Protein backbone atom coordinates (compact mmCIF):
# COMPACT_ATOMS: atom_id res chain seq x y z
CA MET A 1 -7.14 21.75 7.44
CA THR A 2 -5.23 25.01 7.01
CA THR A 3 -2.31 26.13 9.11
CA GLU A 4 -1.11 29.65 9.77
CA ILE A 5 2.60 30.22 9.47
CA THR A 6 4.10 29.74 12.93
CA GLN A 7 7.18 31.57 14.10
CA ILE A 8 9.63 29.34 15.95
CA SER A 9 11.26 31.15 18.85
CA ASP A 10 14.92 31.09 19.76
CA GLU A 11 13.89 29.51 23.07
CA LEU A 12 12.19 26.62 21.28
CA ILE A 13 15.24 26.10 19.07
CA ALA A 14 17.47 26.05 22.17
CA GLU A 15 15.13 23.54 23.78
CA GLY A 16 15.46 21.38 20.68
CA GLN A 17 19.25 21.55 20.87
CA ARG A 18 19.13 20.35 24.48
CA ALA A 19 16.80 17.55 23.44
CA TYR A 20 19.19 16.50 20.67
CA ALA A 21 22.14 16.34 23.06
CA LEU A 22 20.16 14.21 25.51
CA ASP A 23 18.91 11.99 22.70
CA ARG A 24 22.41 11.22 21.47
CA GLU A 25 23.54 10.54 25.03
CA HIS A 26 20.68 8.28 26.12
CA VAL A 27 18.28 7.16 23.36
CA PHE A 28 18.73 3.88 21.48
CA HIS A 29 17.01 4.23 18.09
CA SER A 30 15.19 1.53 16.14
CA TRP A 31 16.46 0.21 12.79
CA GLN A 32 19.72 2.18 13.08
CA ALA A 33 23.44 1.76 13.59
CA GLN A 34 23.70 4.04 16.59
CA GLY A 35 27.07 5.72 16.12
CA ALA A 36 26.79 7.74 12.93
CA PHE A 37 23.06 8.41 13.17
CA THR A 38 22.11 12.10 13.15
CA PRO A 39 18.34 12.22 13.71
CA MET A 40 16.28 15.27 12.79
CA THR A 41 14.90 17.20 15.74
CA VAL A 42 11.22 18.14 15.52
CA LEU A 43 10.20 21.26 17.42
CA LYS A 44 6.53 21.47 16.49
CA THR A 45 3.89 19.76 14.37
CA GLU A 46 0.60 21.06 13.03
CA GLY A 47 -1.67 19.97 10.20
CA SER A 48 0.57 18.81 7.34
CA TYR A 49 3.67 20.59 8.61
CA VAL A 50 6.59 19.84 10.90
CA TRP A 51 9.29 22.24 12.04
CA ASP A 52 12.84 20.92 12.26
CA GLY A 53 15.52 21.75 14.82
CA GLU A 54 16.57 24.88 12.95
CA GLY A 55 13.00 26.15 12.77
CA ASN A 56 12.46 25.28 9.11
CA ARG A 57 8.89 24.39 8.16
CA LEU A 58 8.63 21.16 6.13
CA ILE A 59 5.61 19.68 4.38
CA ASP A 60 5.10 16.24 5.87
CA LEU A 61 4.72 14.00 2.83
CA SER A 62 5.42 10.92 4.96
CA SER A 63 2.61 11.12 7.52
CA GLN A 64 5.50 10.10 9.80
CA LEU A 65 5.37 6.30 9.46
CA VAL A 66 2.23 6.58 7.31
CA ASN A 67 0.09 6.86 10.43
CA THR A 68 -0.90 10.51 10.94
CA ASN A 69 -3.83 10.00 8.59
CA ILE A 70 -5.73 13.08 9.78
CA GLY A 71 -2.62 15.22 10.17
CA HIS A 72 -0.85 16.57 13.23
CA GLN A 73 -2.58 18.12 16.24
CA HIS A 74 -6.14 17.66 15.01
CA PRO A 75 -8.06 19.73 17.61
CA LYS A 76 -10.90 17.22 18.06
CA VAL A 77 -8.50 14.39 18.85
CA VAL A 78 -6.28 16.48 21.11
CA ALA A 79 -9.36 17.61 23.06
CA ALA A 80 -10.64 14.04 23.36
CA ILE A 81 -7.34 12.86 24.85
CA GLN A 82 -7.33 15.76 27.30
CA GLU A 83 -10.92 15.11 28.37
CA GLN A 84 -10.33 11.38 28.77
CA ALA A 85 -7.17 11.96 30.85
CA ALA A 86 -9.22 14.04 33.26
CA LYS A 87 -11.88 11.30 33.52
CA ILE A 88 -10.07 7.92 33.43
CA ALA A 89 -6.41 8.10 32.44
CA THR A 90 -5.84 4.34 32.61
CA ILE A 91 -7.69 1.23 33.71
CA ALA A 92 -7.04 -2.52 33.63
CA PRO A 93 -8.33 -4.14 30.44
CA GLN A 94 -10.78 -6.47 32.20
CA HIS A 95 -12.94 -3.49 33.20
CA VAL A 96 -15.56 -1.95 30.92
CA ASN A 97 -14.98 1.68 30.05
CA ASP A 98 -16.84 3.93 27.65
CA ALA A 99 -13.83 4.89 25.52
CA ARG A 100 -13.01 1.30 24.63
CA SER A 101 -16.65 0.31 24.07
CA GLN A 102 -17.25 3.23 21.75
CA ALA A 103 -13.99 2.65 19.87
CA ALA A 104 -14.91 -1.01 19.31
CA ARG A 105 -18.37 -0.01 18.09
CA LEU A 106 -17.01 2.52 15.60
CA ILE A 107 -14.32 0.18 14.28
CA ALA A 108 -16.83 -2.66 13.83
CA LYS A 109 -19.15 -0.21 12.06
CA HIS A 110 -16.60 0.15 9.26
CA THR A 111 -14.99 -3.30 9.04
CA PRO A 112 -16.35 -5.51 6.26
CA GLY A 113 -18.70 -8.45 6.71
CA ASP A 114 -19.05 -10.03 10.14
CA LEU A 115 -15.82 -8.68 11.64
CA ASN A 116 -17.74 -7.40 14.64
CA LYS A 117 -15.54 -8.28 17.63
CA ILE A 118 -12.44 -6.23 18.38
CA PHE A 119 -9.38 -7.33 20.36
CA PHE A 120 -7.21 -4.31 21.18
CA THR A 121 -3.42 -4.32 21.15
CA ASN A 122 -0.73 -1.66 21.50
CA GLY A 123 0.18 -1.53 17.82
CA GLY A 124 0.38 -3.38 14.53
CA ALA A 125 3.07 -5.94 15.32
CA ASP A 126 1.29 -7.38 18.35
CA ALA A 127 -1.98 -7.29 16.40
CA VAL A 128 -0.31 -9.62 13.89
CA GLU A 129 1.06 -11.81 16.69
CA HIS A 130 -2.39 -12.23 18.22
CA ALA A 131 -4.14 -12.77 14.88
CA VAL A 132 -1.77 -15.64 14.14
CA ARG A 133 -2.30 -17.07 17.64
CA MET A 134 -6.06 -16.95 17.14
CA ALA A 135 -5.77 -18.66 13.75
CA ARG A 136 -3.54 -21.41 15.12
CA LEU A 137 -5.84 -22.11 18.04
CA HIS A 138 -8.95 -21.97 15.83
CA THR A 139 -7.59 -24.42 13.25
CA GLY A 140 -5.27 -26.57 15.35
CA ARG A 141 -2.61 -26.03 12.68
CA ARG A 142 0.72 -24.22 12.85
CA LYS A 143 2.12 -23.06 9.50
CA VAL A 144 1.56 -19.51 8.29
CA LEU A 145 1.85 -18.36 4.67
CA SER A 146 3.17 -14.86 4.01
CA ALA A 147 4.31 -13.07 0.88
CA TYR A 148 7.81 -11.94 0.08
CA ARG A 149 8.05 -8.13 -0.25
CA SER A 150 5.86 -7.60 2.80
CA TYR A 151 6.18 -6.08 6.25
CA HIS A 152 4.19 -7.23 9.28
CA GLY A 153 6.03 -5.83 12.32
CA GLY A 154 9.18 -5.91 14.40
CA THR A 155 8.34 -8.35 17.22
CA HIS A 156 9.73 -11.87 16.99
CA LEU A 157 6.95 -13.67 15.15
CA ALA A 158 5.85 -10.62 13.16
CA VAL A 159 9.34 -9.98 11.82
CA ASN A 160 9.67 -13.64 10.84
CA ILE A 161 6.37 -13.36 8.98
CA THR A 162 7.74 -10.26 7.26
CA GLY A 163 8.94 -10.88 3.73
CA ASP A 164 11.58 -8.17 3.34
CA PRO A 165 15.24 -7.96 4.42
CA ARG A 166 14.43 -6.55 7.85
CA ARG A 167 13.70 -10.10 8.98
CA PHE A 168 17.09 -11.51 7.97
CA ALA A 169 18.94 -10.78 11.22
CA SER A 170 16.13 -12.31 13.31
CA ASP A 171 14.92 -15.08 11.01
CA ALA A 172 14.61 -18.14 13.22
CA GLY A 173 13.59 -20.52 10.45
CA SER A 174 11.64 -22.53 13.02
CA ASP A 175 8.50 -20.47 13.51
CA GLY A 176 6.38 -22.24 10.93
CA ILE A 177 6.50 -19.40 8.38
CA VAL A 178 6.39 -20.20 4.66
CA HIS A 179 6.94 -17.36 2.21
CA PHE A 180 5.49 -17.24 -1.29
CA PHE A 181 6.00 -14.89 -4.25
CA PRO A 182 3.47 -12.05 -4.44
CA ALA A 183 1.68 -10.73 -7.49
CA TYR A 184 3.87 -7.76 -8.42
CA PRO A 185 3.37 -6.91 -12.11
CA TYR A 186 6.23 -4.40 -12.42
CA ARG A 187 8.83 -6.90 -11.19
CA SER A 188 7.04 -10.15 -11.94
CA TYR A 189 8.51 -13.30 -10.45
CA PHE A 190 6.61 -15.33 -13.04
CA GLY A 191 7.77 -13.74 -16.29
CA SER A 192 4.35 -12.18 -16.82
CA THR A 193 3.85 -9.51 -19.44
CA THR A 194 0.22 -8.68 -18.64
CA GLU A 195 -1.84 -8.28 -15.48
CA ALA A 196 -3.98 -11.26 -16.46
CA GLU A 197 -0.89 -13.46 -16.78
CA GLU A 198 0.39 -12.22 -13.41
CA THR A 199 -2.89 -13.05 -11.69
CA THR A 200 -3.11 -16.53 -13.20
CA ARG A 201 0.52 -17.42 -12.55
CA ALA A 202 0.69 -15.95 -9.05
CA LEU A 203 -2.45 -17.81 -7.97
CA ARG A 204 -1.16 -21.07 -9.46
CA HIS A 205 2.11 -20.58 -7.56
CA LEU A 206 0.19 -19.93 -4.35
CA GLU A 207 -1.97 -23.01 -4.72
CA ASP A 208 1.10 -25.11 -5.54
CA THR A 209 2.72 -23.80 -2.35
CA ILE A 210 -0.35 -24.73 -0.31
CA ILE A 211 -0.43 -28.23 -1.76
CA LEU A 212 3.30 -28.81 -1.37
CA GLU A 213 3.29 -27.55 2.24
CA GLY A 214 0.20 -29.60 3.10
CA PRO A 215 -3.13 -27.75 3.47
CA ASP A 216 -3.89 -29.54 6.73
CA ASN A 217 -0.73 -28.03 8.21
CA ILE A 218 -1.53 -24.39 7.32
CA ALA A 219 -3.33 -22.27 9.90
CA ALA A 220 -3.33 -18.91 8.17
CA LEU A 221 -2.38 -16.85 5.18
CA ILE A 222 -1.54 -13.23 5.98
CA LEU A 223 -1.43 -10.60 3.27
CA GLU A 224 -1.13 -6.83 3.27
CA SER A 225 -4.15 -5.73 1.27
CA ILE A 226 -1.91 -3.12 -0.32
CA PRO A 227 1.71 -3.59 0.76
CA GLY A 228 3.07 -0.46 2.40
CA THR A 229 6.80 -0.07 3.00
CA ALA A 230 7.34 -3.01 0.66
CA GLY A 231 6.30 -0.88 -2.30
CA ILE A 232 2.60 0.09 -2.46
CA TYR A 233 2.20 -2.34 -5.36
CA LEU A 234 -1.49 -2.92 -6.00
CA PRO A 235 -2.53 -6.50 -6.76
CA PRO A 236 -3.68 -7.11 -10.34
CA ALA A 237 -7.33 -7.65 -11.16
CA GLY A 238 -8.68 -10.94 -9.84
CA TYR A 239 -5.78 -11.72 -7.54
CA MET A 240 -7.35 -10.83 -4.20
CA ALA A 241 -10.57 -12.70 -5.02
CA GLY A 242 -8.45 -15.67 -6.03
CA VAL A 243 -6.52 -15.60 -2.76
CA ARG A 244 -9.77 -15.52 -0.83
CA GLU A 245 -11.11 -18.48 -2.81
CA LEU A 246 -7.97 -20.53 -2.12
CA THR A 247 -8.06 -19.87 1.62
CA ALA A 248 -11.74 -20.87 1.72
CA LYS A 249 -11.09 -23.97 -0.39
CA TYR A 250 -8.40 -25.27 1.97
CA GLY A 251 -9.85 -24.09 5.28
CA ILE A 252 -7.05 -21.58 5.87
CA VAL A 253 -7.70 -18.49 7.97
CA TYR A 254 -7.24 -15.38 5.82
CA ILE A 255 -5.69 -12.49 7.77
CA ALA A 256 -5.85 -9.10 6.07
CA ASP A 257 -3.05 -6.88 7.34
CA GLU A 258 -4.55 -3.38 7.17
CA VAL A 259 -2.15 -1.77 9.63
CA MET A 260 -0.92 0.76 7.06
CA ALA A 261 -3.54 0.60 4.31
CA GLY A 262 -6.55 0.78 6.63
CA PHE A 263 -8.63 3.64 7.96
CA GLY A 264 -8.94 5.63 4.77
CA ARG A 265 -5.38 5.61 3.52
CA SER A 266 -6.30 4.01 0.16
CA GLY A 267 -9.52 5.98 -0.31
CA GLU A 268 -11.63 3.24 1.30
CA TRP A 269 -12.16 2.60 5.01
CA PHE A 270 -10.20 -0.63 4.49
CA ALA A 271 -8.22 -1.57 1.40
CA VAL A 272 -9.95 -4.96 1.09
CA ASN A 273 -13.06 -2.99 0.16
CA HIS A 274 -11.49 -2.26 -3.24
CA TRP A 275 -12.07 -5.93 -4.08
CA ASP A 276 -15.26 -6.53 -2.07
CA ILE A 277 -13.80 -9.36 -0.01
CA THR A 278 -14.10 -10.17 3.69
CA PRO A 279 -11.17 -11.75 5.57
CA ASP A 280 -11.50 -13.93 8.65
CA LEU A 281 -9.29 -11.64 10.72
CA LEU A 282 -8.18 -8.07 10.05
CA THR A 283 -5.28 -6.36 11.80
CA PHE A 284 -5.19 -2.59 12.22
CA ALA A 285 -3.22 0.17 13.97
CA LYS A 286 -1.69 3.47 12.77
CA GLY A 287 -4.62 5.33 11.20
CA VAL A 288 -7.18 4.09 13.74
CA ASN A 289 -6.31 7.15 15.84
CA SER A 290 -3.74 8.83 13.58
CA GLY A 291 -0.97 7.55 15.84
CA TYR A 292 -1.70 10.07 18.61
CA VAL A 293 -1.60 7.33 21.29
CA PRO A 294 -0.34 3.78 20.54
CA LEU A 295 -3.22 1.49 19.53
CA GLY A 296 -3.79 -1.54 17.34
CA GLY A 297 -6.09 -4.48 17.19
CA VAL A 298 -7.65 -7.48 15.52
CA ALA A 299 -11.16 -7.50 14.08
CA ILE A 300 -12.58 -11.03 14.43
CA CYS A 301 -15.22 -12.86 12.40
CA ASP A 302 -18.10 -14.72 14.05
CA ALA A 303 -16.69 -18.22 13.43
CA ILE A 304 -13.38 -17.50 15.13
CA PHE A 305 -15.12 -15.64 17.95
CA GLU A 306 -17.22 -18.76 18.61
CA THR A 307 -14.02 -20.79 19.11
CA PHE A 308 -13.37 -18.69 22.20
CA ARG A 309 -16.93 -18.34 23.51
CA GLU A 310 -16.35 -21.13 26.05
CA ARG A 311 -12.61 -21.64 25.56
CA VAL A 312 -10.21 -19.22 27.24
CA TYR A 313 -8.17 -17.13 24.83
CA PRO A 314 -4.61 -17.37 26.16
CA GLY A 315 -3.44 -13.84 25.50
CA GLY A 316 -3.73 -10.25 26.63
CA LEU A 317 -1.89 -7.00 27.27
CA THR A 318 -1.80 -4.62 30.22
CA TYR A 319 -2.72 -1.72 27.96
CA SER A 320 -5.26 -3.50 25.76
CA GLY A 321 -7.87 -0.89 24.89
CA HIS A 322 -6.10 1.87 26.82
CA PRO A 323 -8.66 4.61 27.46
CA LEU A 324 -6.50 7.45 26.15
CA ALA A 325 -5.79 5.54 22.95
CA CYS A 326 -9.43 4.54 22.52
CA ALA A 327 -10.68 8.06 23.16
CA ALA A 328 -8.30 9.20 20.44
CA ALA A 329 -9.70 6.50 18.14
CA VAL A 330 -13.29 7.58 18.77
CA ALA A 331 -12.44 11.21 18.01
CA THR A 332 -10.41 10.24 14.94
CA ILE A 333 -13.11 8.05 13.42
CA GLU A 334 -15.81 10.60 14.16
CA ALA A 335 -13.68 13.32 12.55
CA MET A 336 -13.12 11.10 9.52
CA GLU A 337 -16.87 10.62 9.20
CA GLU A 338 -17.87 14.24 9.82
CA GLU A 339 -15.19 15.72 7.57
CA GLN A 340 -15.60 13.01 4.89
CA LEU A 341 -11.88 12.33 4.94
CA VAL A 342 -12.04 8.89 3.34
CA GLU A 343 -13.87 10.39 0.38
CA ASN A 344 -11.36 13.24 0.35
CA ALA A 345 -8.46 10.78 0.27
CA LYS A 346 -9.98 9.17 -2.82
CA ARG A 347 -10.47 12.57 -4.43
CA LEU A 348 -6.89 13.64 -3.72
CA GLY A 349 -5.62 10.45 -5.33
CA ASP A 350 -7.91 10.60 -8.34
CA GLU A 351 -7.65 14.32 -9.06
CA ILE A 352 -4.23 15.48 -7.82
CA ILE A 353 -1.71 12.77 -6.90
CA GLY A 354 -2.48 10.22 -9.62
CA PRO A 355 -2.46 12.67 -12.55
CA ARG A 356 0.65 14.46 -11.30
CA LEU A 357 2.56 11.23 -10.77
CA ALA A 358 1.52 10.08 -14.24
CA GLN A 359 3.04 13.32 -15.52
CA PHE A 360 6.23 12.54 -13.60
CA ALA A 361 6.34 9.11 -15.25
CA ALA A 362 5.95 10.66 -18.69
CA GLU A 363 8.54 13.40 -18.23
CA HIS A 364 11.24 11.95 -15.97
CA PRO A 365 13.36 9.04 -17.26
CA SER A 366 14.26 8.03 -13.69
CA VAL A 367 10.64 7.13 -12.95
CA GLY A 368 10.11 3.46 -13.73
CA GLU A 369 6.56 3.22 -12.44
CA VAL A 370 4.04 5.11 -10.33
CA ARG A 371 1.21 3.31 -8.54
CA GLY A 372 -1.23 3.75 -5.72
CA ALA A 373 -4.68 4.78 -4.55
CA GLY A 374 -6.08 7.47 -2.29
CA VAL A 375 -3.19 9.08 -0.42
CA PHE A 376 -1.05 5.94 -0.72
CA TRP A 377 1.37 6.10 -3.68
CA ALA A 378 4.89 5.03 -4.68
CA ILE A 379 7.35 6.30 -7.25
CA GLU A 380 9.78 3.58 -8.28
CA LEU A 381 13.10 5.09 -9.35
CA VAL A 382 15.35 3.35 -11.86
CA LYS A 383 18.66 3.92 -13.61
CA ASN A 384 17.33 2.42 -16.81
CA ARG A 385 13.70 2.05 -17.81
CA GLU A 386 14.36 -0.80 -20.21
CA THR A 387 16.26 -3.00 -17.75
CA ARG A 388 14.38 -1.59 -14.70
CA GLU A 389 17.66 -1.42 -12.81
CA PRO A 390 16.69 0.17 -9.47
CA LEU A 391 18.31 3.37 -8.23
CA ALA A 392 19.11 1.49 -5.01
CA ALA A 393 19.40 -2.27 -4.64
CA TYR A 394 16.64 -4.26 -2.97
CA GLY A 395 17.27 -4.21 0.75
CA GLY A 396 19.56 -1.21 0.78
CA SER A 397 20.23 2.35 -0.25
CA SER A 398 22.79 3.96 -2.54
CA PRO A 399 24.71 7.23 -2.84
CA GLU A 400 22.38 8.17 -5.70
CA MET A 401 19.25 7.53 -3.68
CA ASN A 402 20.68 9.43 -0.73
CA GLN A 403 21.19 12.45 -2.99
CA VAL A 404 17.57 12.25 -4.14
CA ILE A 405 16.32 12.14 -0.55
CA ALA A 406 18.58 15.04 0.39
CA ALA A 407 17.20 17.05 -2.52
CA ALA A 408 13.64 16.42 -1.31
CA LYS A 409 14.55 17.62 2.17
CA ALA A 410 16.38 20.66 0.78
CA ALA A 411 13.21 21.50 -1.15
CA GLY A 412 11.27 21.68 2.11
CA LEU A 413 9.77 18.21 2.30
CA LEU A 414 9.77 15.50 4.92
CA PRO A 415 9.80 12.53 2.51
CA PHE A 416 9.16 8.82 2.95
CA ALA A 417 11.71 6.70 1.11
CA ASN A 418 12.50 2.99 1.08
CA PHE A 419 15.12 1.26 -1.08
CA ASN A 420 14.64 2.77 -4.58
CA ARG A 421 11.24 4.34 -3.93
CA LEU A 422 9.77 7.64 -2.88
CA HIS A 423 6.32 7.31 -1.35
CA VAL A 424 3.68 10.00 -1.61
CA VAL A 425 1.66 9.44 1.56
CA PRO A 426 0.30 12.74 2.91
CA ALA A 427 -2.52 13.17 5.41
CA MET A 428 -6.06 12.63 4.15
CA ASN A 429 -6.93 16.23 4.97
CA ILE A 430 -3.92 17.96 3.43
CA ALA A 431 -5.06 21.13 1.70
CA ASP A 432 -5.09 20.92 -2.10
CA GLU A 433 -2.71 23.84 -2.48
CA VAL A 434 -0.26 22.37 0.04
CA LEU A 435 -0.32 19.00 -1.75
CA ILE A 436 0.28 20.66 -5.11
CA GLU A 437 3.17 22.61 -3.61
CA ALA A 438 4.60 19.40 -2.12
CA LEU A 439 4.48 17.66 -5.50
CA ASP A 440 6.19 20.66 -7.12
CA ARG A 441 8.95 20.33 -4.56
CA LEU A 442 9.17 16.57 -5.04
CA GLU A 443 9.77 17.09 -8.74
CA GLN A 444 12.99 18.92 -7.85
CA ALA A 445 14.24 15.66 -6.33
CA LEU A 446 13.28 13.77 -9.50
CA LEU A 447 15.50 16.11 -11.51
CA VAL A 448 18.39 14.88 -9.37
CA ALA A 449 17.34 11.26 -9.98
CA ASP A 450 17.23 11.89 -13.73
CA GLY A 451 20.94 12.69 -13.58
CA PHE A 452 21.73 9.05 -12.73
CA VAL A 453 19.89 7.53 -15.70
CA HIS A 454 21.96 5.72 -18.30
């Protein structure tokens, strides 16, 4: 998807300045201390570009919050939203409408196994909330297992399920959540030196946790198929199959969180496809319609659906399956199919991102590890490769990391960064030459990071 260079008018810049003033006067931002925050104004978006408040064109290497999977302003999706707004702009969720029916059909077409029923939500966090509710009602159990170094959403239960520091301020400790150590070869919690050791030890730890917590008490295990903001660390060979075997052995509902990794991001329609496994429930959002209108959901297997065939499911949302959101999903999925964007994401990862990041790892001493798949990659930055001391501490940032991020922005990028990592997460349809240019610019930031190595 190519984009002609757009000239930003003085009038648009002035409009952005007015918007900034109103924002600082009235808007309360998420995940921020409000006082010192100086948000970037965005004047325009198109394809893989955004224009900031000064009219500078930046390559969007973040896909915003890793959700604009088919880029900004895709004409087929924009047109679908416009057409749907003229037909049915909104309708109560109990009524059948074509947009929702077609969205459910297309989603079920691509989910693995028998995940053929779709419950729509407004986003990923409430998809997780409802998946856990379904699992608890289906099993009659309460506890939920979740990995450390994970993120599952910002609502009350979802943030408690989350395994990173964002849950600390809201951690109730009474919501039945039990965290376990993930398989994370680069920073192994089990002293592993090989992937095989990591798989064996992580699965033994997980089974020990299940036994010690009481299998008959555990409703569900939720796992990001490929963790997103927690680090894009891919599970070692055999781990995902082992997790699936354990959940089946103990009658635990396996929830695959595909909110970020799903809908082509990893070079497969869903990341679980990399390991040929089928969960009992699958949560999605973000890429389902490239974030153009808020939408999420839960894909449900036959066995759990049967629990609610005659039994009322005690949950719902006013905007469940909102027609504008579902029309955007239909257009997005059809565009992904017609333009072969999932295959393109795999190609971009295999042929451009992976090799270039491997080069970064070989040439830049600040790069501790690179990892990923499709258009879903992380660069882990360290001060020392031998000790693996991170450039920013877990759960925070650092002056050094802030300088690296500033260098990326100065080079004309809109980067995605978390703790000591830079993520390479462009749209699935970014042009090859734009991606190559973005990686050239990102290397300028790595030169800054190299200056902090000791």
